[in-house]
PDB file of N, CA and C in Angstrom:
ATOM      1  N   MET A   1       0.857  -1.174   0.000  1.00  0.00           N
ATOM      2  CA  MET A   1       0.000   0.000   0.000  1.00  0.00           C
ATOM      3  C   MET A   1       0.897   1.230   0.000  1.00  0.00           C
ATOM      4  N   ASN A   2       0.612   2.169  -0.856  1.00  0.00           N
ATOM      5  CA  ASN A   2       1.305   3.457  -0.895  1.00  0.00           C
ATOM      6  C   ASN A   2       0.327   4.542  -0.505  1.00  0.00           C
ATOM      7  N   ARG A   3       0.764   5.437   0.365  1.00  0.00           N
ATOM      8  CA  ARG A   3      -0.109   6.513   0.794  1.00  0.00           C
ATOM      9  C   ARG A   3       0.336   7.799   0.119  1.00  0.00           C
ATOM     10  N   ILE A   4      -0.590   8.446  -0.545  1.00  0.00           N
ATOM     11  CA  ILE A   4      -0.355   9.737  -1.177  1.00  0.00           C
ATOM     12  C   ILE A   4      -1.357  10.693  -0.566  1.00  0.00           C
ATOM     13  N   GLY A   5      -0.882  11.552   0.303  1.00  0.00           N
ATOM     14  CA  GLY A   5      -1.806  12.434   1.015  1.00  0.00           C
ATOM     15  C   GLY A   5      -2.768  11.611   1.835  1.00  0.00           C
ATOM     16  N   LYS A   6      -4.066  11.754   1.599  1.00  0.00           N
ATOM     17  CA  LYS A   6      -5.080  10.998   2.318  1.00  0.00           C
ATOM     18  C   LYS A   6      -5.661   9.872   1.481  1.00  0.00           C
ATOM     19  N   ILE A   7      -4.985   9.535   0.379  1.00  0.00           N
ATOM     20  CA  ILE A   7      -5.479   8.486  -0.510  1.00  0.00           C
ATOM     21  C   ILE A   7      -4.507   7.312  -0.466  1.00  0.00           C
ATOM     22  N   ASP A   8      -5.017   6.102  -0.390  1.00  0.00           N
ATOM     23  CA  ASP A   8      -4.208   4.885  -0.406  1.00  0.00           C
ATOM     24  C   ASP A   8      -4.291   4.248  -1.785  1.00  0.00           C
ATOM     25  N   LEU A   9      -3.166   3.759  -2.275  1.00  0.00           N
ATOM     26  CA  LEU A   9      -3.131   2.975  -3.502  1.00  0.00           C
ATOM     27  C   LEU A   9      -2.843   1.539  -3.100  1.00  0.00           C
ATOM     28  N   ARG A  10      -3.667   0.610  -3.520  1.00  0.00           N
ATOM     29  CA  ARG A  10      -3.497  -0.794  -3.154  1.00  0.00           C
ATOM     30  C   ARG A  10      -3.620  -1.661  -4.385  1.00  0.00           C
ATOM     31  N   PHE A  11      -2.669  -2.593  -4.529  1.00  0.00           N
ATOM     32  CA  PHE A  11      -2.759  -3.572  -5.610  1.00  0.00           C
ATOM     33  C   PHE A  11      -3.479  -4.794  -5.084  1.00  0.00           C
ATOM     34  N   GLN A  12      -4.492  -5.249  -5.816  1.00  0.00           N
ATOM     35  CA  GLN A  12      -5.259  -6.432  -5.439  1.00  0.00           C
ATOM     36  C   GLN A  12      -4.934  -7.529  -6.438  1.00  0.00           C
ATOM     37  N   PRO A  13      -3.998  -8.430  -6.063  1.00  0.00           N
ATOM     38  CA  PRO A  13      -3.591  -9.466  -7.014  1.00  0.00           C
ATOM     39  C   PRO A  13      -4.740 -10.321  -7.519  1.00  0.00           C
ATOM     40  N   SER A  14      -5.654 -10.679  -6.640  1.00  0.00           N
ATOM     41  CA  SER A  14      -6.733 -11.558  -7.086  1.00  0.00           C
ATOM     42  C   SER A  14      -7.673 -10.859  -8.058  1.00  0.00           C
ATOM     43  N   ARG A  15      -7.773  -9.547  -7.970  1.00  0.00           N
ATOM     44  CA  ARG A  15      -8.604  -8.779  -8.901  1.00  0.00           C
ATOM     45  C   ARG A  15      -7.769  -8.164 -10.015  1.00  0.00           C
ATOM     46  N   LYS A  16      -6.416  -8.295  -9.886  1.00  0.00           N
ATOM     47  CA  LYS A  16      -5.476  -7.827 -10.900  1.00  0.00           C
ATOM     48  C   LYS A  16      -5.656  -6.347 -11.219  1.00  0.00           C
ATOM     49  N   ARG A  17      -5.715  -5.547 -10.175  1.00  0.00           N
ATOM     50  CA  ARG A  17      -5.876  -4.117 -10.413  1.00  0.00           C
ATOM     51  C   ARG A  17      -5.323  -3.295  -9.253  1.00  0.00           C
ATOM     52  N   LEU A  18      -4.999  -2.063  -9.566  1.00  0.00           N
ATOM     53  CA  LEU A  18      -4.593  -1.086  -8.569  1.00  0.00           C
ATOM     54  C   LEU A  18      -5.822  -0.265  -8.242  1.00  0.00           C
ATOM     55  N   THR A  19      -6.121  -0.147  -6.964  1.00  0.00           N
ATOM     56  CA  THR A  19      -7.332   0.543  -6.557  1.00  0.00           C
ATOM     57  C   THR A  19      -6.975   1.739  -5.690  1.00  0.00           C
ATOM     58  N   VAL A  20      -7.666   2.839  -5.899  1.00  0.00           N
ATOM     59  CA  VAL A  20      -7.496   4.033  -5.077  1.00  0.00           C
ATOM     60  C   VAL A  20      -8.526   3.984  -3.962  1.00  0.00           C
ATOM     61  N   TYR A  21      -8.061   4.095  -2.742  1.00  0.00           N
ATOM     62  CA  TYR A  21      -8.941   4.070  -1.578  1.00  0.00           C
ATOM     63  C   TYR A  21      -8.865   5.401  -0.861  1.00  0.00           C
ATOM     64  N   ASN A  22      -9.963   5.776  -0.281  1.00  0.00           N
ATOM     65  CA  ASN A  22      -9.952   6.917   0.616  1.00  0.00           C
ATOM     66  C   ASN A  22     -10.808   6.540   1.815  1.00  0.00           C
ATOM     67  N   PRO A  23     -10.741   7.303   2.885  1.00  0.00           N
ATOM     68  CA  PRO A  23     -11.471   6.914   4.101  1.00  0.00           C
ATOM     69  C   PRO A  23     -12.957   6.695   3.898  1.00  0.00           C
ATOM     70  N   SER A  24     -13.547   7.291   2.893  1.00  0.00           N
ATOM     71  CA  SER A  24     -14.991   7.153   2.703  1.00  0.00           C
ATOM     72  C   SER A  24     -15.394   5.797   2.142  1.00  0.00           C
ATOM     73  N   ASN A  25     -14.421   5.012   1.619  1.00  0.00           N
ATOM     74  CA  ASN A  25     -14.820   3.716   1.067  1.00  0.00           C
ATOM     75  C   ASN A  25     -14.190   2.541   1.812  1.00  0.00           C
ATOM     76  N   LEU A  26     -13.930   2.681   3.097  1.00  0.00           N
ATOM     77  CA  LEU A  26     -13.363   1.588   3.885  1.00  0.00           C
ATOM     78  C   LEU A  26     -14.316   0.399   3.964  1.00  0.00           C
ATOM     79  N   ASN A  27     -15.615   0.650   4.084  1.00  0.00           N
ATOM     80  CA  ASN A  27     -16.574  -0.458   4.108  1.00  0.00           C
ATOM     81  C   ASN A  27     -16.563  -1.215   2.789  1.00  0.00           C
ATOM     82  N   GLU A  28     -16.438  -0.495   1.692  1.00  0.00           N
ATOM     83  CA  GLU A  28     -16.362  -1.131   0.378  1.00  0.00           C
ATOM     84  C   GLU A  28     -15.121  -2.015   0.305  1.00  0.00           C
ATOM     85  N   ASP A  29     -14.003  -1.536   0.864  1.00  0.00           N
ATOM     86  CA  ASP A  29     -12.760  -2.301   0.896  1.00  0.00           C
ATOM     87  C   ASP A  29     -12.951  -3.601   1.677  1.00  0.00           C
ATOM     88  N   ARG A  30     -13.579  -3.524   2.831  1.00  0.00           N
ATOM     89  CA  ARG A  30     -13.833  -4.718   3.646  1.00  0.00           C
ATOM     90  C   ARG A  30     -14.745  -5.694   2.916  1.00  0.00           C
ATOM     91  N   ASN A  31     -15.786  -5.170   2.279  1.00  0.00           N
ATOM     92  CA  ASN A  31     -16.718  -6.031   1.546  1.00  0.00           C
ATOM     93  C   ASN A  31     -16.026  -6.729   0.382  1.00  0.00           C
ATOM     94  N   LEU A  32     -15.164  -6.009  -0.326  1.00  0.00           N
ATOM     95  CA  LEU A  32     -14.440  -6.584  -1.445  1.00  0.00           C
ATOM     96  C   LEU A  32     -13.518  -7.698  -0.956  1.00  0.00           C
ATOM     97  N   HIS A  33     -12.825  -7.447   0.142  1.00  0.00           N
ATOM     98  CA  HIS A  33     -11.930  -8.461   0.706  1.00  0.00           C
ATOM     99  C   HIS A  33     -12.725  -9.700   1.128  1.00  0.00           C
ATOM    100  N   GLU A  34     -13.854  -9.502   1.752  1.00  0.00           N
ATOM    101  CA  GLU A  34     -14.689 -10.632   2.164  1.00  0.00           C
ATOM    102  C   GLU A  34     -15.182 -11.417   0.948  1.00  0.00           C
ATOM    103  N   GLU A  35     -15.502 -10.719  -0.143  1.00  0.00           N
ATOM    104  CA  GLU A  35     -15.915 -11.397  -1.370  1.00  0.00           C
ATOM    105  C   GLU A  35     -14.774 -12.245  -1.931  1.00  0.00           C
ATOM    106  N   GLU A  36     -13.552 -11.719  -1.896  1.00  0.00           N
ATOM    107  CA  GLU A  36     -12.393 -12.463  -2.383  1.00  0.00           C
ATOM    108  C   GLU A  36     -12.165 -13.724  -1.551  1.00  0.00           C
ATOM    109  N   VAL A  37     -12.292 -13.605  -0.238  1.00  0.00           N
ATOM    110  CA  VAL A  37     -12.122 -14.757   0.642  1.00  0.00           C
ATOM    111  C   VAL A  37     -13.239 -15.773   0.392  1.00  0.00           C
ATOM    112  N   THR A  38     -14.465 -15.287   0.237  1.00  0.00           N
ATOM    113  CA  THR A  38     -15.594 -16.169  -0.065  1.00  0.00           C
ATOM    114  C   THR A  38     -15.326 -16.945  -1.348  1.00  0.00           C
ATOM    115  N   ASP A  39     -14.894 -16.246  -2.397  1.00  0.00           N
ATOM    116  CA  ASP A  39     -14.597 -16.891  -3.671  1.00  0.00           C
ATOM    117  C   ASP A  39     -13.503 -17.941  -3.523  1.00  0.00           C
ATOM    118  N   ALA A  40     -12.455 -17.614  -2.774  1.00  0.00           N
ATOM    119  CA  ALA A  40     -11.338 -18.550  -2.591  1.00  0.00           C
ATOM    120  C   ALA A  40     -11.797 -19.820  -1.882  1.00  0.00           C
ATOM    121  N   ILE A  41     -12.610 -19.675  -0.845  1.00  0.00           N
ATOM    122  CA  ILE A  41     -13.106 -20.847  -0.107  1.00  0.00           C
ATOM    123  C   ILE A  41     -13.992 -21.702  -0.997  1.00  0.00           C
ATOM    124  N   LEU A  42     -14.921 -21.073  -1.706  1.00  0.00           N
ATOM    125  CA  LEU A  42     -15.840 -21.829  -2.556  1.00  0.00           C
ATOM    126  C   LEU A  42     -15.129 -22.492  -3.732  1.00  0.00           C
ATOM    127  N   GLU A  43     -14.124 -21.831  -4.298  1.00  0.00           N
ATOM    128  CA  GLU A  43     -13.345 -22.426  -5.381  1.00  0.00           C
ATOM    129  C   GLU A  43     -12.570 -23.638  -4.867  1.00  0.00           C
ATOM    130  N   TYR A  44     -11.994 -23.514  -3.679  1.00  0.00           N
ATOM    131  CA  TYR A  44     -11.259 -24.642  -3.100  1.00  0.00           C
ATOM    132  C   TYR A  44     -12.192 -25.822  -2.877  1.00  0.00           C
ATOM    133  N   LEU A  45     -13.354 -25.538  -2.316  1.00  0.00           N
ATOM    134  CA  LEU A  45     -14.308 -26.616  -2.042  1.00  0.00           C
ATOM    135  C   LEU A  45     -14.867 -27.233  -3.324  1.00  0.00           C
ATOM    136  N   ALA A  46     -14.998 -26.450  -4.377  1.00  0.00           N
ATOM    137  CA  ALA A  46     -15.446 -26.998  -5.653  1.00  0.00           C
ATOM    138  C   ALA A  46     -14.422 -28.003  -6.190  1.00  0.00           C
ATOM    139  N   GLU A  47     -13.142 -27.729  -5.953  1.00  0.00           N
ATOM    140  CA  GLU A  47     -12.084 -28.625  -6.396  1.00  0.00           C
ATOM    141  C   GLU A  47     -11.866 -29.786  -5.428  1.00  0.00           C
ATOM    142  N   ASN A  48     -12.221 -29.574  -4.165  1.00  0.00           N
ATOM    143  CA  ASN A  48     -11.985 -30.565  -3.110  1.00  0.00           C
ATOM    144  C   ASN A  48     -13.238 -30.699  -2.254  1.00  0.00           C
ATOM    145  N   PRO A  49     -14.306 -31.274  -2.808  1.00  0.00           N
ATOM    146  CA  PRO A  49     -15.590 -31.271  -2.099  1.00  0.00           C
ATOM    147  C   PRO A  49     -15.601 -32.021  -0.767  1.00  0.00           C
ATOM    148  N   ARG A  50     -14.647 -32.889  -0.531  1.00  0.00           N
ATOM    149  CA  ARG A  50     -14.603 -33.629   0.731  1.00  0.00           C
ATOM    150  C   ARG A  50     -13.670 -32.989   1.752  1.00  0.00           C
ATOM    151  N   ALA A  51     -13.129 -31.831   1.426  1.00  0.00           N
ATOM    152  CA  ALA A  51     -12.176 -31.160   2.311  1.00  0.00           C
ATOM    153  C   ALA A  51     -12.848 -30.639   3.576  1.00  0.00           C
ATOM    154  N   SER A  52     -12.079 -30.637   4.655  1.00  0.00           N
ATOM    155  CA  SER A  52     -12.500 -29.992   5.903  1.00  0.00           C
ATOM    156  C   SER A  52     -11.240 -29.566   6.632  1.00  0.00           C
ATOM    157  N   ASP A  53     -11.321 -28.491   7.382  1.00  0.00           N
ATOM    158  CA  ASP A  53     -10.151 -27.986   8.087  1.00  0.00           C
ATOM    159  C   ASP A  53     -10.595 -27.025   9.167  1.00  0.00           C
ATOM    160  N   THR A  54      -9.664 -26.610   9.984  1.00  0.00           N
ATOM    161  CA  THR A  54      -9.921 -25.621  11.025  1.00  0.00           C
ATOM    162  C   THR A  54      -9.891 -24.226  10.416  1.00  0.00           C
ATOM    163  N   LEU A  55     -10.311 -23.249  11.163  1.00  0.00           N
ATOM    164  CA  LEU A  55     -10.240 -21.854  10.728  1.00  0.00           C
ATOM    165  C   LEU A  55      -8.825 -21.510  10.296  1.00  0.00           C
ATOM    166  N   GLU A  56      -7.851 -21.839  11.126  1.00  0.00           N
ATOM    167  CA  GLU A  56      -6.459 -21.526  10.805  1.00  0.00           C
ATOM    168  C   GLU A  56      -5.991 -22.264   9.553  1.00  0.00           C
ATOM    169  N   GLY A  57      -6.366 -23.534   9.426  1.00  0.00           N
ATOM    170  CA  GLY A  57      -5.982 -24.304   8.247  1.00  0.00           C
ATOM    171  C   GLY A  57      -6.582 -23.749   6.977  1.00  0.00           C
ATOM    172  N   ILE A  58      -7.841 -23.344   7.049  1.00  0.00           N
ATOM    173  CA  ILE A  58      -8.504 -22.755   5.880  1.00  0.00           C
ATOM    174  C   ILE A  58      -7.815 -21.458   5.483  1.00  0.00           C
ATOM    175  N   ALA A  59      -7.542 -20.610   6.458  1.00  0.00           N
ATOM    176  CA  ALA A  59      -6.882 -19.338   6.173  1.00  0.00           C
ATOM    177  C   ALA A  59      -5.479 -19.559   5.612  1.00  0.00           C
ATOM    178  N   GLU A  60      -4.763 -20.505   6.208  1.00  0.00           N
ATOM    179  CA  GLU A  60      -3.372 -20.711   5.827  1.00  0.00           C
ATOM    180  C   GLU A  60      -3.213 -21.494   4.529  1.00  0.00           C
ATOM    181  N   TRP A  61      -4.034 -22.511   4.295  1.00  0.00           N
ATOM    182  CA  TRP A  61      -3.834 -23.397   3.158  1.00  0.00           C
ATOM    183  C   TRP A  61      -4.818 -23.166   2.021  1.00  0.00           C
ATOM    184  N   TRP A  62      -6.093 -23.181   2.299  1.00  0.00           N
ATOM    185  CA  TRP A  62      -7.075 -23.081   1.217  1.00  0.00           C
ATOM    186  C   TRP A  62      -6.976 -21.742   0.498  1.00  0.00           C
ATOM    187  N   ILE A  63      -7.022 -20.672   1.276  1.00  0.00           N
ATOM    188  CA  ILE A  63      -7.058 -19.331   0.675  1.00  0.00           C
ATOM    189  C   ILE A  63      -5.738 -19.023  -0.013  1.00  0.00           C
ATOM    190  N   MET A  64      -4.624 -19.359   0.632  1.00  0.00           N
ATOM    191  CA  MET A  64      -3.323 -19.087   0.019  1.00  0.00           C
ATOM    192  C   MET A  64      -3.156 -19.898  -1.272  1.00  0.00           C
ATOM    193  N   ARG A  65      -3.623 -21.127  -1.286  1.00  0.00           N
ATOM    194  CA  ARG A  65      -3.516 -21.954  -2.491  1.00  0.00           C
ATOM    195  C   ARG A  65      -4.278 -21.323  -3.650  1.00  0.00           C
ATOM    196  N   GLN A  66      -5.481 -20.837  -3.394  1.00  0.00           N
ATOM    197  CA  GLN A  66      -6.281 -20.215  -4.451  1.00  0.00           C
ATOM    198  C   GLN A  66      -5.618 -18.929  -4.938  1.00  0.00           C
ATOM    199  N   ARG A  67      -5.026 -18.165  -4.035  1.00  0.00           N
ATOM    200  CA  ARG A  67      -4.363 -16.921  -4.440  1.00  0.00           C
ATOM    201  C   ARG A  67      -3.121 -17.205  -5.277  1.00  0.00           C
ATOM    202  N   VAL A  68      -2.357 -18.215  -4.885  1.00  0.00           N
ATOM    203  CA  VAL A  68      -1.171 -18.581  -5.663  1.00  0.00           C
ATOM    204  C   VAL A  68      -1.598 -19.046  -7.044  1.00  0.00           C
ATOM    205  N   ARG A  69      -2.637 -19.851  -7.125  1.00  0.00           N
ATOM    206  CA  ARG A  69      -3.125 -20.343  -8.419  1.00  0.00           C
ATOM    207  C   ARG A  69      -3.534 -19.161  -9.311  1.00  0.00           C
ATOM    208  N   ALA A  70      -4.251 -18.194  -8.749  1.00  0.00           N
ATOM    209  CA  ALA A  70      -4.670 -17.025  -9.530  1.00  0.00           C
ATOM    210  C   ALA A  70      -3.452 -16.240 -10.001  1.00  0.00           C
ATOM    211  N   GLU A  71      -2.456 -16.129  -9.154  1.00  0.00           N
ATOM    212  CA  GLU A  71      -1.244 -15.389  -9.514  1.00  0.00           C
ATOM    213  C   GLU A  71      -0.488 -16.118 -10.628  1.00  0.00           C
ATOM    214  N   ILE A  72      -0.416 -17.433 -10.573  1.00  0.00           N
ATOM    215  CA  ILE A  72       0.250 -18.211 -11.620  1.00  0.00           C
ATOM    216  C   ILE A  72      -0.457 -18.013 -12.951  1.00  0.00           C
ATOM    217  N   GLU A  73      -1.777 -18.020 -12.944  1.00  0.00           N
ATOM    218  CA  GLU A  73      -2.531 -17.804 -14.179  1.00  0.00           C
ATOM    219  C   GLU A  73      -2.241 -16.417 -14.751  1.00  0.00           C
ATOM    220  N   THR A  74      -2.155 -15.421 -13.897  1.00  0.00           N
ATOM    221  CA  THR A  74      -1.862 -14.054 -14.345  1.00  0.00           C
ATOM    222  C   THR A  74      -0.463 -13.975 -14.929  1.00  0.00           C
ATOM    223  N   VAL A  75       0.517 -14.554 -14.250  1.00  0.00           N
ATOM    224  CA  VAL A  75       1.902 -14.532 -14.741  1.00  0.00           C
ATOM    225  C   VAL A  75       1.984 -15.247 -16.087  1.00  0.00           C
ATOM    226  N   ALA A  76       1.292 -16.372 -16.245  1.00  0.00           N
ATOM    227  CA  ALA A  76       1.299 -17.096 -17.515  1.00  0.00           C
ATOM    228  C   ALA A  76       0.763 -16.221 -18.644  1.00  0.00           C
ATOM    229  N   LYS A  77      -0.319 -15.511 -18.396  1.00  0.00           N
ATOM    230  CA  LYS A  77      -0.899 -14.634 -19.418  1.00  0.00           C
ATOM    231  C   LYS A  77       0.058 -13.504 -19.783  1.00  0.00           C
ATOM    232  N   VAL A  78       0.691 -12.914 -18.769  1.00  0.00           N
ATOM    233  CA  VAL A  78       1.622 -11.807 -19.011  1.00  0.00           C
ATOM    234  C   VAL A  78       2.842 -12.299 -19.788  1.00  0.00           C
ATOM    235  N   LEU A  79       3.394 -13.457 -19.400  1.00  0.00           N
ATOM    236  CA  LEU A  79       4.548 -14.003 -20.120  1.00  0.00           C
ATOM    237  C   LEU A  79       4.197 -14.283 -21.576  1.00  0.00           C
ATOM    238  N   HIS A  80       3.035 -14.845 -21.815  1.00  0.00           N
ATOM    239  CA  HIS A  80       2.595 -15.125 -23.188  1.00  0.00           C
ATOM    240  C   HIS A  80       2.508 -13.824 -23.987  1.00  0.00           C
ATOM    241  N   ARG A  81       1.890 -12.813 -23.384  1.00  0.00           N
ATOM    242  CA  ARG A  81       1.734 -11.527 -24.059  1.00  0.00           C
ATOM    243  C   ARG A  81       3.092 -10.892 -24.358  1.00  0.00           C
ATOM    244  N   LEU A  82       4.024 -10.945 -23.398  1.00  0.00           N
ATOM    245  CA  LEU A  82       5.354 -10.365 -23.607  1.00  0.00           C
ATOM    246  C   LEU A  82       6.126 -11.121 -24.686  1.00  0.00           C
ATOM    247  N   ALA A  83       5.999 -12.436 -24.709  1.00  0.00           N
ATOM    248  CA  ALA A  83       6.672 -13.228 -25.748  1.00  0.00           C
ATOM    249  C   ALA A  83       6.069 -12.941 -27.120  1.00  0.00           C
ATOM    250  N   GLU A  84       4.753 -12.858 -27.197  1.00  0.00           N
ATOM    251  CA  GLU A  84       4.081 -12.558 -28.468  1.00  0.00           C
ATOM    252  C   GLU A  84       4.473 -11.182 -28.998  1.00  0.00           C
ATOM    253  N   ALA A  85       4.712 -10.242 -28.085  1.00  0.00           N
ATOM    254  CA  ALA A  85       5.082  -8.882 -28.477  1.00  0.00           C
ATOM    255  C   ALA A  85       6.575  -8.757 -28.772  1.00  0.00           C
ATOM    256  N   GLY A  86       7.324  -9.826 -28.562  1.00  0.00           N
ATOM    257  CA  GLY A  86       8.754  -9.795 -28.832  1.00  0.00           C
ATOM    258  C   GLY A  86       9.578  -9.162 -27.730  1.00  0.00           C
ATOM    259  N   ARG A  87       8.995  -8.946 -26.577  1.00  0.00           N
ATOM    260  CA  ARG A  87       9.728  -8.319 -25.465  1.00  0.00           C
ATOM    261  C   ARG A  87      10.465  -9.341 -24.620  1.00  0.00           C
ATOM    262  N   LEU A  88      10.059 -10.609 -24.711  1.00  0.00           N
ATOM    263  CA  LEU A  88      10.742 -11.736 -24.074  1.00  0.00           C
ATOM    264  C   LEU A  88      10.866 -12.834 -25.110  1.00  0.00           C
ATOM    265  N   GLU A  89      11.884 -13.672 -24.939  1.00  0.00           N
ATOM    266  CA  GLU A  89      12.003 -14.848 -25.782  1.00  0.00           C
ATOM    267  C   GLU A  89      11.609 -16.061 -24.956  1.00  0.00           C
ATOM    268  N   LYS A  90      10.796 -16.908 -25.545  1.00  0.00           N
ATOM    269  CA  LYS A  90      10.381 -18.149 -24.907  1.00  0.00           C
ATOM    270  C   LYS A  90      11.150 -19.289 -25.552  1.00  0.00           C
ATOM    271  N   VAL A  91      11.801 -20.097 -24.707  1.00  0.00           N
ATOM    272  CA  VAL A  91      12.558 -21.242 -25.192  1.00  0.00           C
ATOM    273  C   VAL A  91      11.915 -22.495 -24.622  1.00  0.00           C
ATOM    274  N   GLY A  92      11.461 -23.383 -25.479  1.00  0.00           N
ATOM    275  CA  GLY A  92      10.820 -24.609 -25.042  1.00  0.00           C
ATOM    276  C   GLY A  92       9.311 -24.446 -25.004  1.00  0.00           C
ATOM    277  N   GLU A  93       8.652 -25.506 -24.554  1.00  0.00           N
ATOM    278  CA  GLU A  93       7.188 -25.516 -24.516  1.00  0.00           C
ATOM    279  C   GLU A  93       6.685 -26.030 -23.177  1.00  0.00           C
ATOM    280  N   GLY A  94       5.425 -25.775 -22.915  1.00  0.00           N
ATOM    281  CA  GLY A  94       4.767 -26.297 -21.717  1.00  0.00           C
ATOM    282  C   GLY A  94       5.345 -25.752 -20.421  1.00  0.00           C
ATOM    283  N   ASP A  95       5.250 -26.565 -19.385  1.00  0.00           N
ATOM    284  CA  ASP A  95       5.701 -26.144 -18.051  1.00  0.00           C
ATOM    285  C   ASP A  95       7.211 -25.979 -17.958  1.00  0.00           C
ATOM    286  N   GLU A  96       7.937 -26.555 -18.912  1.00  0.00           N
ATOM    287  CA  GLU A  96       9.407 -26.490 -18.888  1.00  0.00           C
ATOM    288  C   GLU A  96       9.961 -25.293 -19.682  1.00  0.00           C
ATOM    289  N   ALA A  97       9.082 -24.485 -20.262  1.00  0.00           N
ATOM    290  CA  ALA A  97       9.537 -23.337 -21.057  1.00  0.00           C
ATOM    291  C   ALA A  97      10.296 -22.355 -20.162  1.00  0.00           C
ATOM    292  N   LEU A  98      11.302 -21.723 -20.755  1.00  0.00           N
ATOM    293  CA  LEU A  98      12.103 -20.702 -20.083  1.00  0.00           C
ATOM    294  C   LEU A  98      11.901 -19.375 -20.812  1.00  0.00           C
ATOM    295  N   TYR A  99      11.958 -18.285 -20.084  1.00  0.00           N
ATOM    296  CA  TYR A  99      11.759 -16.954 -20.644  1.00  0.00           C
ATOM    297  C   TYR A  99      12.972 -16.092 -20.304  1.00  0.00           C
ATOM    298  N   HIS A 100      13.416 -15.290 -21.287  1.00  0.00           N
ATOM    299  CA  HIS A 100      14.520 -14.369 -21.046  1.00  0.00           C
ATOM    300  C   HIS A 100      14.451 -13.231 -22.059  1.00  0.00           C
ATOM    301  N   LEU A 101      15.278 -12.200 -21.821  1.00  0.00           N
ATOM    302  CA  LEU A 101      15.339 -11.066 -22.760  1.00  0.00           C
ATOM    303  C   LEU A 101      15.907 -11.499 -24.080  1.00  0.00           C
TER     304      LEU A 101
END
């Protein structure tokens, strides 16, 4: 989070955007975060319908796993776009592909 005067700038990896916050939209920020957590839990359970865990386990494993997965998908899209634009070179295919200038 970067603070500029009374405005906060926050990057939301799961939503893939930079958001400007000010004190008047703190409730909106909390609601958005709760929606992200809700989505992460439901996505995990959709993939693992027999899963069960404690509050701490869910927070530590389920939610983090979904966030990492979303981040990997974003990085894959960005790498593809950079390679297609000629800004990176891709060597190899699939999960073993390497990227460099």
